[in-house]
Amino acid sequence: MKIQAFDVSKAASATSIVFDALRKAIITGDLAEGEHLRQDEIARAFNVSRIPVREALLKLEQHGLVRNQRYKGAVVSGLSLEEAEEIFEFRALLEPEVIRRAVPRMTQAVLDEARACCDAFARDTDPMRWGDHNRRLHATLYAASGLSYHLEVLHKTLDRIEPYLRAQLLLSDGIARANREHKGIVDACAAQDAERAAALTRAHILGARDSLRHSWSG
């Protein structure tokens, strides 16, 4: 089982640390779809009792990253194509509204950070980091909205789709197209054109959905 484990027996919140480590392993693909998450094995890896492990697994289940199977226990969740498409379509409803609300509140510091994220995304040759840069860029732009509940829901939604999002970025021309689209969104934000930023964000998300659909069926 590929997770970065360490002794957290004296940590203030062992549950949070175990949750964060397992979440990261799932969304990066180190823990594969259908992999069994054995409480005893995880507890030994982190040198904790089964209680924080059980609580972390329950939290992961609430995020949709883990499901419980009869006679098997907790396993890493997967998605069908239909479920993945539904999540992308939900994002296409939510994220344009968030960025529309964010644009009027964006400072120059936010825009500078967003452009730095774009540059890091474009320069990085390690595919395993593309997903991190992508998520950091969107989070930077959306945070200005101040819509805390929307952002919380979006955070959970992105956790659920993250492995598929990373796969989509590896598709032919996926990274080049994402670069162009990211820069267009940031340019619209810099021009204070909230409607254009929202429209480009929606097109960006639905384009990623279509690429994933093509690779899934191909």
N, C-alpha and C. Protein backbone atom coordinates (compact mmCIF):
# COMPACT_ATOMS: atom_id res chain seq x y z
N MET A 1 0.86 -1.18 0.00
CA MET A 1 0.00 0.00 0.00
C MET A 1 0.89 1.23 0.00
N LYS A 2 0.76 2.12 -1.01
CA LYS A 2 1.65 3.26 -1.17
C LYS A 2 1.07 4.50 -0.51
N ILE A 3 1.48 4.77 0.72
CA ILE A 3 1.14 6.01 1.40
C ILE A 3 2.38 6.49 2.14
N GLN A 4 2.49 7.79 2.35
CA GLN A 4 3.59 8.34 3.11
C GLN A 4 3.20 8.30 4.58
N ALA A 5 3.70 7.31 5.30
CA ALA A 5 3.33 7.11 6.69
C ALA A 5 4.44 7.58 7.62
N PHE A 6 4.05 8.00 8.83
CA PHE A 6 5.02 8.40 9.83
C PHE A 6 4.35 8.30 11.18
N ASP A 7 5.15 8.36 12.24
CA ASP A 7 4.64 8.18 13.60
C ASP A 7 3.87 9.42 14.04
N VAL A 8 2.58 9.25 14.23
CA VAL A 8 1.76 10.39 14.68
C VAL A 8 1.13 10.10 16.03
N SER A 9 1.71 9.19 16.79
CA SER A 9 1.10 8.78 18.05
C SER A 9 0.97 9.94 19.04
N LYS A 10 1.83 10.98 18.88
CA LYS A 10 1.78 12.10 19.80
C LYS A 10 1.20 13.35 19.14
N ALA A 11 0.65 13.20 17.98
CA ALA A 11 0.11 14.36 17.26
C ALA A 11 -1.18 14.84 17.90
N ALA A 12 -1.47 16.13 17.74
CA ALA A 12 -2.68 16.71 18.32
C ALA A 12 -3.92 16.13 17.67
N SER A 13 -3.86 15.85 16.38
CA SER A 13 -5.02 15.31 15.67
C SER A 13 -4.56 14.21 14.73
N ALA A 14 -4.44 13.01 15.27
CA ALA A 14 -4.01 11.88 14.46
C ALA A 14 -5.00 11.62 13.34
N THR A 15 -6.29 11.82 13.60
CA THR A 15 -7.31 11.59 12.58
C THR A 15 -7.06 12.47 11.35
N SER A 16 -6.78 13.75 11.59
CA SER A 16 -6.56 14.68 10.48
C SER A 16 -5.33 14.30 9.67
N ILE A 17 -4.27 13.88 10.36
CA ILE A 17 -3.04 13.53 9.66
C ILE A 17 -3.22 12.26 8.82
N VAL A 18 -3.89 11.27 9.38
CA VAL A 18 -4.15 10.04 8.63
C VAL A 18 -5.07 10.35 7.45
N PHE A 19 -6.11 11.15 7.68
CA PHE A 19 -7.02 11.54 6.60
C PHE A 19 -6.27 12.23 5.47
N ASP A 20 -5.43 13.21 5.81
CA ASP A 20 -4.70 13.96 4.78
C ASP A 20 -3.78 13.06 3.97
N ALA A 21 -3.10 12.13 4.65
CA ALA A 21 -2.18 11.23 3.95
C ALA A 21 -2.93 10.28 3.01
N LEU A 22 -4.03 9.73 3.49
CA LEU A 22 -4.81 8.81 2.65
C LEU A 22 -5.46 9.57 1.49
N ARG A 23 -5.98 10.75 1.77
CA ARG A 23 -6.60 11.57 0.71
C ARG A 23 -5.60 11.86 -0.39
N LYS A 24 -4.40 12.27 -0.01
CA LYS A 24 -3.38 12.57 -1.01
C LYS A 24 -3.03 11.33 -1.83
N ALA A 25 -2.91 10.19 -1.17
CA ALA A 25 -2.56 8.96 -1.88
C ALA A 25 -3.66 8.55 -2.86
N ILE A 26 -4.91 8.82 -2.50
CA ILE A 26 -6.03 8.46 -3.39
C ILE A 26 -6.08 9.38 -4.61
N ILE A 27 -5.97 10.69 -4.37
CA ILE A 27 -6.16 11.61 -5.50
C ILE A 27 -4.96 11.62 -6.44
N THR A 28 -3.78 11.18 -5.96
CA THR A 28 -2.62 11.07 -6.85
C THR A 28 -2.54 9.71 -7.51
N GLY A 29 -3.39 8.77 -7.09
CA GLY A 29 -3.39 7.45 -7.70
C GLY A 29 -2.46 6.45 -7.04
N ASP A 30 -1.76 6.85 -5.96
CA ASP A 30 -0.91 5.89 -5.25
C ASP A 30 -1.75 4.78 -4.63
N LEU A 31 -2.97 5.12 -4.21
CA LEU A 31 -3.93 4.11 -3.79
C LEU A 31 -4.94 3.97 -4.93
N ALA A 32 -4.99 2.79 -5.52
CA ALA A 32 -5.77 2.59 -6.74
C ALA A 32 -7.24 2.32 -6.44
N GLU A 33 -8.06 2.58 -7.43
CA GLU A 33 -9.49 2.28 -7.34
C GLU A 33 -9.68 0.82 -6.94
N GLY A 34 -10.53 0.58 -5.95
CA GLY A 34 -10.83 -0.77 -5.49
C GLY A 34 -9.86 -1.32 -4.46
N GLU A 35 -8.78 -0.57 -4.16
CA GLU A 35 -7.80 -1.08 -3.20
C GLU A 35 -8.40 -1.10 -1.80
N HIS A 36 -8.15 -2.21 -1.10
CA HIS A 36 -8.68 -2.41 0.25
C HIS A 36 -7.85 -1.62 1.25
N LEU A 37 -8.51 -0.84 2.08
CA LEU A 37 -7.85 -0.04 3.11
C LEU A 37 -8.03 -0.73 4.45
N ARG A 38 -7.03 -1.48 4.86
CA ARG A 38 -7.11 -2.28 6.09
C ARG A 38 -6.75 -1.42 7.29
N GLN A 39 -7.68 -1.35 8.24
CA GLN A 39 -7.49 -0.48 9.39
C GLN A 39 -6.25 -0.86 10.19
N ASP A 40 -6.03 -2.14 10.43
CA ASP A 40 -4.88 -2.57 11.22
C ASP A 40 -3.56 -2.18 10.55
N GLU A 41 -3.48 -2.35 9.25
CA GLU A 41 -2.27 -2.03 8.50
C GLU A 41 -1.99 -0.52 8.55
N ILE A 42 -3.03 0.28 8.38
CA ILE A 42 -2.87 1.73 8.42
C ILE A 42 -2.48 2.18 9.82
N ALA A 43 -3.11 1.61 10.84
CA ALA A 43 -2.79 1.98 12.23
C ALA A 43 -1.33 1.68 12.55
N ARG A 44 -0.84 0.53 12.08
CA ARG A 44 0.57 0.20 12.32
C ARG A 44 1.50 1.17 11.59
N ALA A 45 1.14 1.54 10.36
CA ALA A 45 1.99 2.43 9.57
C ALA A 45 2.14 3.80 10.25
N PHE A 46 1.08 4.26 10.90
CA PHE A 46 1.11 5.58 11.54
C PHE A 46 1.34 5.50 13.05
N ASN A 47 1.45 4.28 13.56
CA ASN A 47 1.66 4.06 15.00
C ASN A 47 0.56 4.72 15.84
N VAL A 48 -0.68 4.42 15.44
CA VAL A 48 -1.84 4.92 16.18
C VAL A 48 -2.80 3.76 16.42
N SER A 49 -3.81 4.00 17.25
CA SER A 49 -4.86 2.99 17.44
C SER A 49 -5.77 2.98 16.21
N ARG A 50 -6.71 2.07 16.21
CA ARG A 50 -7.64 1.99 15.08
C ARG A 50 -8.68 3.10 15.11
N ILE A 51 -8.83 3.78 16.26
CA ILE A 51 -9.88 4.79 16.38
C ILE A 51 -9.67 5.95 15.39
N PRO A 52 -8.49 6.61 15.38
CA PRO A 52 -8.32 7.70 14.39
C PRO A 52 -8.35 7.21 12.96
N VAL A 53 -7.94 5.96 12.72
CA VAL A 53 -8.00 5.40 11.37
C VAL A 53 -9.45 5.25 10.95
N ARG A 54 -10.27 4.71 11.85
CA ARG A 54 -11.69 4.54 11.54
C ARG A 54 -12.36 5.89 11.28
N GLU A 55 -12.00 6.90 12.09
CA GLU A 55 -12.57 8.23 11.89
C GLU A 55 -12.11 8.85 10.57
N ALA A 56 -10.84 8.63 10.21
CA ALA A 56 -10.33 9.15 8.93
C ALA A 56 -11.03 8.48 7.76
N LEU A 57 -11.26 7.17 7.84
CA LEU A 57 -11.94 6.45 6.77
C LEU A 57 -13.39 6.92 6.63
N LEU A 58 -14.03 7.22 7.76
CA LEU A 58 -15.41 7.74 7.71
C LEU A 58 -15.43 9.09 7.01
N LYS A 59 -14.45 9.95 7.31
CA LYS A 59 -14.38 11.26 6.67
C LYS A 59 -14.11 11.11 5.17
N LEU A 60 -13.26 10.17 4.80
CA LEU A 60 -12.98 9.92 3.38
C LEU A 60 -14.24 9.42 2.67
N GLU A 61 -15.05 8.62 3.38
CA GLU A 61 -16.30 8.15 2.80
C GLU A 61 -17.26 9.32 2.57
N GLN A 62 -17.27 10.28 3.49
CA GLN A 62 -18.12 11.46 3.34
C GLN A 62 -17.68 12.31 2.15
N HIS A 63 -16.40 12.27 1.82
CA HIS A 63 -15.87 12.99 0.65
C HIS A 63 -16.06 12.20 -0.64
N GLY A 64 -16.56 10.97 -0.54
CA GLY A 64 -16.78 10.16 -1.73
C GLY A 64 -15.54 9.44 -2.22
N LEU A 65 -14.46 9.47 -1.43
CA LEU A 65 -13.20 8.85 -1.87
C LEU A 65 -13.10 7.39 -1.46
N VAL A 66 -13.92 6.98 -0.52
CA VAL A 66 -13.90 5.62 0.01
C VAL A 66 -15.33 5.12 0.11
N ARG A 67 -15.52 3.83 -0.12
CA ARG A 67 -16.83 3.22 0.11
C ARG A 67 -16.64 1.93 0.89
N ASN A 68 -17.68 1.52 1.59
CA ASN A 68 -17.61 0.28 2.35
C ASN A 68 -18.31 -0.84 1.59
N GLN A 69 -17.60 -1.95 1.43
CA GLN A 69 -18.14 -3.11 0.75
C GLN A 69 -18.39 -4.22 1.77
N ARG A 70 -19.49 -4.91 1.60
CA ARG A 70 -19.81 -6.02 2.49
C ARG A 70 -18.71 -7.08 2.43
N TYR A 71 -18.30 -7.55 3.58
CA TYR A 71 -17.29 -8.59 3.76
C TYR A 71 -15.87 -8.12 3.41
N LYS A 72 -15.72 -6.88 2.94
CA LYS A 72 -14.40 -6.41 2.55
C LYS A 72 -13.97 -5.18 3.33
N GLY A 73 -14.93 -4.36 3.74
CA GLY A 73 -14.59 -3.13 4.45
C GLY A 73 -14.36 -1.98 3.51
N ALA A 74 -13.50 -1.05 3.92
CA ALA A 74 -13.27 0.18 3.17
C ALA A 74 -12.40 -0.08 1.95
N VAL A 75 -12.84 0.42 0.81
CA VAL A 75 -12.05 0.34 -0.43
C VAL A 75 -12.06 1.70 -1.09
N VAL A 76 -11.06 1.97 -1.93
CA VAL A 76 -10.97 3.23 -2.66
C VAL A 76 -12.08 3.27 -3.72
N SER A 77 -12.83 4.35 -3.74
CA SER A 77 -13.94 4.48 -4.68
C SER A 77 -13.46 4.76 -6.10
N GLY A 78 -14.25 4.32 -7.04
CA GLY A 78 -14.03 4.66 -8.44
C GLY A 78 -15.26 5.35 -8.98
N LEU A 79 -15.19 5.76 -10.23
CA LEU A 79 -16.33 6.41 -10.88
C LEU A 79 -16.63 5.73 -12.19
N SER A 80 -17.90 5.67 -12.53
CA SER A 80 -18.28 5.28 -13.89
C SER A 80 -18.14 6.52 -14.77
N LEU A 81 -18.17 6.33 -16.08
CA LEU A 81 -18.13 7.47 -17.00
C LEU A 81 -19.30 8.40 -16.74
N GLU A 82 -20.47 7.83 -16.49
CA GLU A 82 -21.66 8.66 -16.26
C GLU A 82 -21.49 9.52 -15.01
N GLU A 83 -20.92 8.94 -13.94
CA GLU A 83 -20.70 9.70 -12.71
C GLU A 83 -19.67 10.80 -12.93
N ALA A 84 -18.59 10.47 -13.65
CA ALA A 84 -17.55 11.47 -13.93
C ALA A 84 -18.13 12.63 -14.73
N GLU A 85 -18.92 12.32 -15.75
CA GLU A 85 -19.52 13.38 -16.56
C GLU A 85 -20.45 14.25 -15.72
N GLU A 86 -21.20 13.63 -14.82
CA GLU A 86 -22.11 14.40 -13.96
C GLU A 86 -21.34 15.37 -13.08
N ILE A 87 -20.19 14.93 -12.56
CA ILE A 87 -19.38 15.80 -11.71
C ILE A 87 -18.83 16.97 -12.52
N PHE A 88 -18.34 16.71 -13.73
CA PHE A 88 -17.85 17.80 -14.58
C PHE A 88 -18.99 18.79 -14.87
N GLU A 89 -20.17 18.27 -15.13
CA GLU A 89 -21.30 19.15 -15.43
C GLU A 89 -21.73 19.95 -14.20
N PHE A 90 -21.61 19.35 -13.03
CA PHE A 90 -21.88 20.10 -11.79
C PHE A 90 -20.86 21.23 -11.63
N ARG A 91 -19.60 20.92 -11.89
CA ARG A 91 -18.55 21.95 -11.83
C ARG A 91 -18.84 23.08 -12.82
N ALA A 92 -19.35 22.70 -14.00
CA ALA A 92 -19.64 23.71 -15.02
C ALA A 92 -20.79 24.63 -14.61
N LEU A 93 -21.60 24.21 -13.67
CA LEU A 93 -22.64 25.07 -13.11
C LEU A 93 -22.09 25.94 -11.97
N LEU A 94 -21.28 25.33 -11.12
CA LEU A 94 -20.83 26.00 -9.90
C LEU A 94 -19.67 26.97 -10.14
N GLU A 95 -18.63 26.52 -10.83
CA GLU A 95 -17.40 27.31 -10.92
C GLU A 95 -17.54 28.62 -11.70
N PRO A 96 -18.32 28.65 -12.80
CA PRO A 96 -18.50 29.95 -13.46
C PRO A 96 -19.13 31.00 -12.54
N GLU A 97 -20.08 30.59 -11.71
CA GLU A 97 -20.70 31.54 -10.80
C GLU A 97 -19.70 32.01 -9.74
N VAL A 98 -18.87 31.09 -9.26
CA VAL A 98 -17.87 31.47 -8.26
C VAL A 98 -16.89 32.48 -8.83
N ILE A 99 -16.39 32.22 -10.04
CA ILE A 99 -15.42 33.16 -10.61
C ILE A 99 -16.08 34.47 -11.01
N ARG A 100 -17.33 34.41 -11.41
CA ARG A 100 -18.07 35.65 -11.73
C ARG A 100 -18.13 36.55 -10.48
N ARG A 101 -18.36 35.94 -9.34
CA ARG A 101 -18.43 36.70 -8.09
C ARG A 101 -17.04 37.12 -7.61
N ALA A 102 -16.02 36.38 -8.01
CA ALA A 102 -14.66 36.65 -7.53
C ALA A 102 -14.01 37.82 -8.27
N VAL A 103 -14.27 37.94 -9.57
CA VAL A 103 -13.54 38.90 -10.40
C VAL A 103 -13.55 40.33 -9.83
N PRO A 104 -14.69 40.87 -9.43
CA PRO A 104 -14.68 42.26 -8.93
C PRO A 104 -13.85 42.44 -7.66
N ARG A 105 -13.55 41.34 -6.98
CA ARG A 105 -12.84 41.42 -5.69
C ARG A 105 -11.37 41.03 -5.82
N MET A 106 -10.92 40.73 -7.02
CA MET A 106 -9.54 40.29 -7.19
C MET A 106 -8.58 41.47 -7.10
N THR A 107 -7.55 41.30 -6.29
CA THR A 107 -6.50 42.30 -6.17
C THR A 107 -5.38 41.99 -7.16
N GLN A 108 -4.46 42.91 -7.29
CA GLN A 108 -3.30 42.67 -8.15
C GLN A 108 -2.48 41.49 -7.62
N ALA A 109 -2.43 41.36 -6.30
CA ALA A 109 -1.69 40.24 -5.70
C ALA A 109 -2.29 38.90 -6.11
N VAL A 110 -3.62 38.82 -6.15
CA VAL A 110 -4.29 37.59 -6.59
C VAL A 110 -3.95 37.29 -8.04
N LEU A 111 -4.01 38.30 -8.87
CA LEU A 111 -3.71 38.12 -10.30
C LEU A 111 -2.25 37.73 -10.51
N ASP A 112 -1.35 38.32 -9.74
CA ASP A 112 0.07 37.96 -9.85
C ASP A 112 0.28 36.50 -9.44
N GLU A 113 -0.38 36.10 -8.39
CA GLU A 113 -0.26 34.70 -7.95
C GLU A 113 -0.83 33.76 -8.99
N ALA A 114 -1.96 34.14 -9.59
CA ALA A 114 -2.58 33.30 -10.62
C ALA A 114 -1.66 33.16 -11.82
N ARG A 115 -1.02 34.25 -12.23
CA ARG A 115 -0.10 34.17 -13.37
C ARG A 115 1.12 33.32 -13.01
N ALA A 116 1.57 33.39 -11.77
CA ALA A 116 2.68 32.54 -11.33
C ALA A 116 2.28 31.06 -11.39
N CYS A 117 1.04 30.76 -11.03
CA CYS A 117 0.53 29.39 -11.14
C CYS A 117 0.50 28.93 -12.59
N CYS A 118 0.05 29.82 -13.48
CA CYS A 118 0.03 29.50 -14.92
C CYS A 118 1.44 29.20 -15.41
N ASP A 119 2.40 30.02 -15.02
CA ASP A 119 3.78 29.83 -15.46
C ASP A 119 4.34 28.51 -14.93
N ALA A 120 4.05 28.19 -13.67
CA ALA A 120 4.53 26.94 -13.09
C ALA A 120 3.92 25.74 -13.81
N PHE A 121 2.64 25.85 -14.13
CA PHE A 121 1.94 24.79 -14.86
C PHE A 121 2.58 24.57 -16.22
N ALA A 122 2.90 25.67 -16.91
CA ALA A 122 3.45 25.58 -18.27
C ALA A 122 4.87 25.06 -18.28
N ARG A 123 5.66 25.41 -17.25
CA ARG A 123 7.08 25.04 -17.22
C ARG A 123 7.34 23.63 -16.73
N ASP A 124 6.48 23.13 -15.85
CA ASP A 124 6.76 21.87 -15.17
C ASP A 124 6.70 20.70 -16.14
N THR A 125 7.73 19.88 -16.16
CA THR A 125 7.78 18.72 -17.05
C THR A 125 7.36 17.43 -16.35
N ASP A 126 7.02 17.53 -15.08
CA ASP A 126 6.61 16.34 -14.32
C ASP A 126 5.08 16.24 -14.34
N PRO A 127 4.52 15.27 -15.06
CA PRO A 127 3.06 15.14 -15.13
C PRO A 127 2.40 14.96 -13.77
N MET A 128 3.14 14.41 -12.81
CA MET A 128 2.55 14.18 -11.50
C MET A 128 2.27 15.49 -10.75
N ARG A 129 2.89 16.59 -11.21
CA ARG A 129 2.65 17.89 -10.53
C ARG A 129 1.65 18.76 -11.28
N TRP A 130 1.28 18.37 -12.49
CA TRP A 130 0.35 19.19 -13.26
C TRP A 130 -0.98 19.39 -12.53
N GLY A 131 -1.48 18.31 -11.94
CA GLY A 131 -2.75 18.40 -11.22
C GLY A 131 -2.69 19.37 -10.06
N ASP A 132 -1.53 19.39 -9.37
CA ASP A 132 -1.38 20.31 -8.23
C ASP A 132 -1.39 21.76 -8.71
N HIS A 133 -0.65 22.05 -9.80
CA HIS A 133 -0.62 23.41 -10.33
C HIS A 133 -2.01 23.84 -10.80
N ASN A 134 -2.69 22.93 -11.47
CA ASN A 134 -4.04 23.22 -11.99
C ASN A 134 -4.99 23.58 -10.85
N ARG A 135 -4.95 22.79 -9.81
CA ARG A 135 -5.87 23.02 -8.69
C ARG A 135 -5.51 24.30 -7.95
N ARG A 136 -4.21 24.58 -7.81
CA ARG A 136 -3.77 25.78 -7.11
C ARG A 136 -4.22 27.04 -7.87
N LEU A 137 -4.14 26.98 -9.19
CA LEU A 137 -4.57 28.12 -10.00
C LEU A 137 -6.05 28.42 -9.80
N HIS A 138 -6.87 27.40 -9.94
CA HIS A 138 -8.31 27.61 -9.79
C HIS A 138 -8.65 28.08 -8.37
N ALA A 139 -7.99 27.49 -7.37
CA ALA A 139 -8.26 27.87 -5.98
C ALA A 139 -7.88 29.33 -5.73
N THR A 140 -6.79 29.78 -6.33
CA THR A 140 -6.34 31.17 -6.18
C THR A 140 -7.39 32.13 -6.73
N LEU A 141 -7.91 31.83 -7.90
CA LEU A 141 -8.91 32.70 -8.51
C LEU A 141 -10.23 32.67 -7.74
N TYR A 142 -10.65 31.49 -7.30
CA TYR A 142 -11.96 31.36 -6.68
C TYR A 142 -11.99 31.92 -5.26
N ALA A 143 -10.86 31.90 -4.57
CA ALA A 143 -10.84 32.32 -3.16
C ALA A 143 -11.33 33.75 -2.99
N ALA A 144 -11.09 34.59 -4.00
CA ALA A 144 -11.51 36.00 -3.91
C ALA A 144 -13.02 36.16 -3.83
N SER A 145 -13.76 35.13 -4.19
CA SER A 145 -15.23 35.22 -4.17
C SER A 145 -15.78 35.39 -2.76
N GLY A 146 -15.07 34.83 -1.77
CA GLY A 146 -15.57 34.87 -0.41
C GLY A 146 -16.74 33.94 -0.15
N LEU A 147 -17.05 33.07 -1.11
CA LEU A 147 -18.20 32.16 -0.98
C LEU A 147 -17.74 30.88 -0.29
N SER A 148 -17.67 30.92 1.02
CA SER A 148 -17.05 29.83 1.77
C SER A 148 -17.76 28.49 1.58
N TYR A 149 -19.10 28.50 1.55
CA TYR A 149 -19.82 27.23 1.38
C TYR A 149 -19.61 26.67 -0.02
N HIS A 150 -19.69 27.54 -1.03
CA HIS A 150 -19.43 27.11 -2.40
C HIS A 150 -18.03 26.48 -2.51
N LEU A 151 -17.06 27.13 -1.89
CA LEU A 151 -15.67 26.66 -1.98
C LEU A 151 -15.49 25.33 -1.25
N GLU A 152 -16.20 25.14 -0.16
CA GLU A 152 -16.12 23.87 0.56
C GLU A 152 -16.69 22.73 -0.29
N VAL A 153 -17.84 22.98 -0.91
CA VAL A 153 -18.45 21.97 -1.78
C VAL A 153 -17.54 21.68 -2.97
N LEU A 154 -16.96 22.73 -3.53
CA LEU A 154 -16.07 22.57 -4.67
C LEU A 154 -14.83 21.78 -4.29
N HIS A 155 -14.30 22.02 -3.11
CA HIS A 155 -13.12 21.28 -2.64
C HIS A 155 -13.42 19.78 -2.61
N LYS A 156 -14.56 19.40 -2.07
CA LYS A 156 -14.93 17.99 -2.01
C LYS A 156 -15.17 17.42 -3.42
N THR A 157 -15.79 18.23 -4.28
CA THR A 157 -16.05 17.80 -5.65
C THR A 157 -14.75 17.54 -6.39
N LEU A 158 -13.78 18.43 -6.22
CA LEU A 158 -12.49 18.26 -6.90
C LEU A 158 -11.73 17.05 -6.36
N ASP A 159 -11.86 16.79 -5.07
CA ASP A 159 -11.25 15.57 -4.51
C ASP A 159 -11.79 14.34 -5.24
N ARG A 160 -13.09 14.35 -5.47
CA ARG A 160 -13.75 13.18 -6.07
C ARG A 160 -13.30 12.95 -7.51
N ILE A 161 -13.09 14.04 -8.24
CA ILE A 161 -12.77 13.92 -9.66
C ILE A 161 -11.28 14.01 -9.94
N GLU A 162 -10.47 14.33 -8.92
CA GLU A 162 -9.06 14.63 -9.12
C GLU A 162 -8.28 13.57 -9.90
N PRO A 163 -8.42 12.27 -9.58
CA PRO A 163 -7.64 11.28 -10.35
C PRO A 163 -7.98 11.31 -11.84
N TYR A 164 -9.23 11.59 -12.17
CA TYR A 164 -9.67 11.62 -13.57
C TYR A 164 -9.22 12.92 -14.23
N LEU A 165 -9.17 13.99 -13.44
CA LEU A 165 -8.68 15.27 -13.94
C LEU A 165 -7.21 15.15 -14.31
N ARG A 166 -6.44 14.48 -13.46
CA ARG A 166 -5.02 14.27 -13.73
C ARG A 166 -4.83 13.42 -14.99
N ALA A 167 -5.67 12.40 -15.13
CA ALA A 167 -5.59 11.56 -16.33
C ALA A 167 -5.90 12.37 -17.58
N GLN A 168 -6.91 13.24 -17.48
CA GLN A 168 -7.29 14.05 -18.63
C GLN A 168 -6.16 14.98 -19.07
N LEU A 169 -5.38 15.50 -18.11
CA LEU A 169 -4.26 16.38 -18.45
C LEU A 169 -3.16 15.66 -19.22
N LEU A 170 -3.11 14.34 -19.09
CA LEU A 170 -2.09 13.56 -19.78
C LEU A 170 -2.48 13.23 -21.22
N LEU A 171 -3.71 13.54 -21.59
CA LEU A 171 -4.17 13.22 -22.94
C LEU A 171 -3.42 14.06 -23.97
N SER A 172 -3.46 13.61 -25.21
CA SER A 172 -2.82 14.35 -26.30
C SER A 172 -3.32 15.79 -26.33
N ASP A 173 -2.40 16.73 -26.27
CA ASP A 173 -2.68 18.17 -26.30
C ASP A 173 -3.40 18.67 -25.06
N GLY A 174 -3.60 17.80 -24.05
CA GLY A 174 -4.32 18.21 -22.85
C GLY A 174 -3.63 19.33 -22.11
N ILE A 175 -2.31 19.23 -21.94
CA ILE A 175 -1.59 20.24 -21.19
C ILE A 175 -1.47 21.54 -21.98
N ALA A 176 -1.24 21.43 -23.29
CA ALA A 176 -1.13 22.64 -24.13
C ALA A 176 -2.45 23.40 -24.16
N ARG A 177 -3.54 22.67 -24.30
CA ARG A 177 -4.86 23.32 -24.34
C ARG A 177 -5.18 23.95 -23.00
N ALA A 178 -4.87 23.22 -21.92
CA ALA A 178 -5.13 23.76 -20.58
C ALA A 178 -4.34 25.05 -20.36
N ASN A 179 -3.10 25.10 -20.84
CA ASN A 179 -2.29 26.32 -20.73
C ASN A 179 -2.98 27.51 -21.40
N ARG A 180 -3.43 27.27 -22.63
CA ARG A 180 -4.09 28.36 -23.38
C ARG A 180 -5.35 28.82 -22.66
N GLU A 181 -6.12 27.87 -22.19
CA GLU A 181 -7.39 28.20 -21.55
C GLU A 181 -7.17 28.90 -20.21
N HIS A 182 -6.18 28.43 -19.44
CA HIS A 182 -5.88 29.08 -18.17
C HIS A 182 -5.49 30.54 -18.38
N LYS A 183 -4.61 30.79 -19.35
CA LYS A 183 -4.17 32.16 -19.62
C LYS A 183 -5.33 33.04 -20.06
N GLY A 184 -6.24 32.48 -20.84
CA GLY A 184 -7.42 33.24 -21.27
C GLY A 184 -8.30 33.62 -20.09
N ILE A 185 -8.47 32.70 -19.15
CA ILE A 185 -9.29 32.98 -17.96
C ILE A 185 -8.64 34.07 -17.11
N VAL A 186 -7.33 33.96 -16.89
CA VAL A 186 -6.63 34.95 -16.08
C VAL A 186 -6.66 36.32 -16.76
N ASP A 187 -6.50 36.34 -18.08
CA ASP A 187 -6.56 37.62 -18.81
C ASP A 187 -7.94 38.28 -18.65
N ALA A 188 -8.99 37.47 -18.70
CA ALA A 188 -10.35 38.01 -18.52
C ALA A 188 -10.52 38.56 -17.11
N CYS A 189 -9.95 37.87 -16.12
CA CYS A 189 -10.02 38.36 -14.74
C CYS A 189 -9.27 39.69 -14.61
N ALA A 190 -8.10 39.77 -15.23
CA ALA A 190 -7.30 41.00 -15.16
C ALA A 190 -8.02 42.17 -15.82
N ALA A 191 -8.81 41.88 -16.85
CA ALA A 191 -9.59 42.92 -17.55
C ALA A 191 -10.89 43.25 -16.82
N GLN A 192 -11.11 42.57 -15.67
CA GLN A 192 -12.34 42.77 -14.89
C GLN A 192 -13.58 42.41 -15.69
N ASP A 193 -13.45 41.44 -16.59
CA ASP A 193 -14.57 40.98 -17.41
C ASP A 193 -15.11 39.69 -16.80
N ALA A 194 -15.98 39.85 -15.82
CA ALA A 194 -16.49 38.71 -15.07
C ALA A 194 -17.27 37.73 -15.94
N GLU A 195 -18.05 38.26 -16.88
CA GLU A 195 -18.86 37.39 -17.72
C GLU A 195 -17.99 36.55 -18.65
N ARG A 196 -16.94 37.16 -19.19
CA ARG A 196 -16.03 36.40 -20.05
C ARG A 196 -15.26 35.34 -19.24
N ALA A 197 -14.83 35.72 -18.05
CA ALA A 197 -14.13 34.76 -17.19
C ALA A 197 -15.03 33.57 -16.88
N ALA A 198 -16.31 33.84 -16.62
CA ALA A 198 -17.26 32.77 -16.32
C ALA A 198 -17.48 31.87 -17.54
N ALA A 199 -17.64 32.49 -18.71
CA ALA A 199 -17.88 31.71 -19.94
C ALA A 199 -16.66 30.86 -20.28
N LEU A 200 -15.46 31.41 -20.12
CA LEU A 200 -14.25 30.65 -20.41
C LEU A 200 -14.05 29.51 -19.41
N THR A 201 -14.41 29.76 -18.16
CA THR A 201 -14.31 28.71 -17.15
C THR A 201 -15.25 27.56 -17.47
N ARG A 202 -16.46 27.87 -17.87
CA ARG A 202 -17.43 26.82 -18.23
C ARG A 202 -16.92 26.03 -19.44
N ALA A 203 -16.42 26.71 -20.45
CA ALA A 203 -15.91 26.02 -21.64
C ALA A 203 -14.71 25.14 -21.29
N HIS A 204 -13.86 25.63 -20.39
CA HIS A 204 -12.68 24.90 -19.94
C HIS A 204 -13.08 23.57 -19.27
N ILE A 205 -14.06 23.64 -18.41
CA ILE A 205 -14.51 22.44 -17.68
C ILE A 205 -15.19 21.45 -18.62
N LEU A 206 -16.07 21.94 -19.48
CA LEU A 206 -16.78 21.03 -20.39
C LEU A 206 -15.83 20.45 -21.44
N GLY A 207 -14.79 21.21 -21.81
CA GLY A 207 -13.78 20.67 -22.72
C GLY A 207 -13.02 19.53 -22.07
N ALA A 208 -12.70 19.67 -20.78
CA ALA A 208 -12.03 18.59 -20.05
C ALA A 208 -12.94 17.36 -19.96
N ARG A 209 -14.23 17.59 -19.75
CA ARG A 209 -15.19 16.48 -19.72
C ARG A 209 -15.19 15.74 -21.06
N ASP A 210 -15.21 16.48 -22.14
CA ASP A 210 -15.26 15.86 -23.46
C ASP A 210 -13.98 15.07 -23.76
N SER A 211 -12.82 15.61 -23.33
CA SER A 211 -11.57 14.88 -23.53
C SER A 211 -11.56 13.58 -22.75
N LEU A 212 -12.05 13.64 -21.52
CA LEU A 212 -12.11 12.43 -20.70
C LEU A 212 -13.05 11.41 -21.32
N ARG A 213 -14.20 11.88 -21.79
CA ARG A 213 -15.17 10.98 -22.44
C ARG A 213 -14.54 10.29 -23.65
N HIS A 214 -13.78 11.06 -24.45
CA HIS A 214 -13.15 10.51 -25.64
C HIS A 214 -12.14 9.44 -25.27
N SER A 215 -11.31 9.71 -24.24
CA SER A 215 -10.30 8.73 -23.85
C SER A 215 -10.92 7.50 -23.23
N TRP A 216 -12.02 7.69 -22.49
CA TRP A 216 -12.70 6.59 -21.83
C TRP A 216 -13.30 5.64 -22.85
N SER A 217 -13.91 6.21 -23.88
CA SER A 217 -14.58 5.37 -24.88
C SER A 217 -13.62 4.86 -25.93
N GLY A 218 -12.45 5.52 -26.04
CA GLY A 218 -11.50 5.13 -27.08
C GLY A 218 -10.57 4.05 -26.66
